[in-house]
């Protein structure tokens, strides 16, 4: 069976002054897979994500997204705010929630692309606006239920445990109905039980919701247990791309993480 790419990164390079953050990097993410991008600290992983989502747009090379209609989309031609309209969603290393809003309201912030009503309709609370609001609220609750935190939907984000905050951020990404979900260190700061629960959630996103996932993570047991393929980089350069078991034993990957024996 031939694999179909959903994302192709071709000869990606990005320099900050004399620093080569990403250096002629190429790899693909196949539709329906979980792909991990790994490498030591400073390897350029988050920079790659920032290029894909157009936070950085002064890179060299090409980033091609294959949309649901079979079109090849040059992501460079899209603004940051338009990326989500192509059903690409992302979480970040640092959680960015509004602490004095409820969980449900923090999630609904991510649903802005679905808002079709005008400001005037919101002011007068038109029937179309009320219907739209109910639909989005129902969708948000369903996602929170999937993540097993719907019972907390009316609680303020401030002061909640870190593991719950990570779930809220994930829910905000999921309400955009992504085909490609980009997760930047989703397990960072989680305890062992929370990490295992997250692994199960990500697997279910793939199998039940048919979401393709590209993630960065430093927890190698987490990566190796759930990824279909792993791309390893070091100092922005490609090292290897293969199945987890092969990557784990790859000499260049071992050298990048453990150092070279003298």
Foldseek 3Di string as FASTA:
>chain_A
DDFAFQKWWAQKWDADVPATLAGGDTDTFTFLFEEEEEFPPSQNVVVVVCCQLVVPLPIDTFMWGQAPVRDTDTCSPDHNVCVLVSQEFEDEPDQDFDQQAFLLVRLCVLVVVVDPDDPVCVVVVPPVNVVSVVVLSVLLLVLCVLVPNSVRRRPGNPPDDPLVSLSSRVSSRCSSVHQEYEYEASCPPPDPVSLVSVLVSVVCCSVVVSHYYYYYHPPLVSCLVRGQKYWYGGSNHTDDIDHSVCLVPDPVNCCRVPNDDD
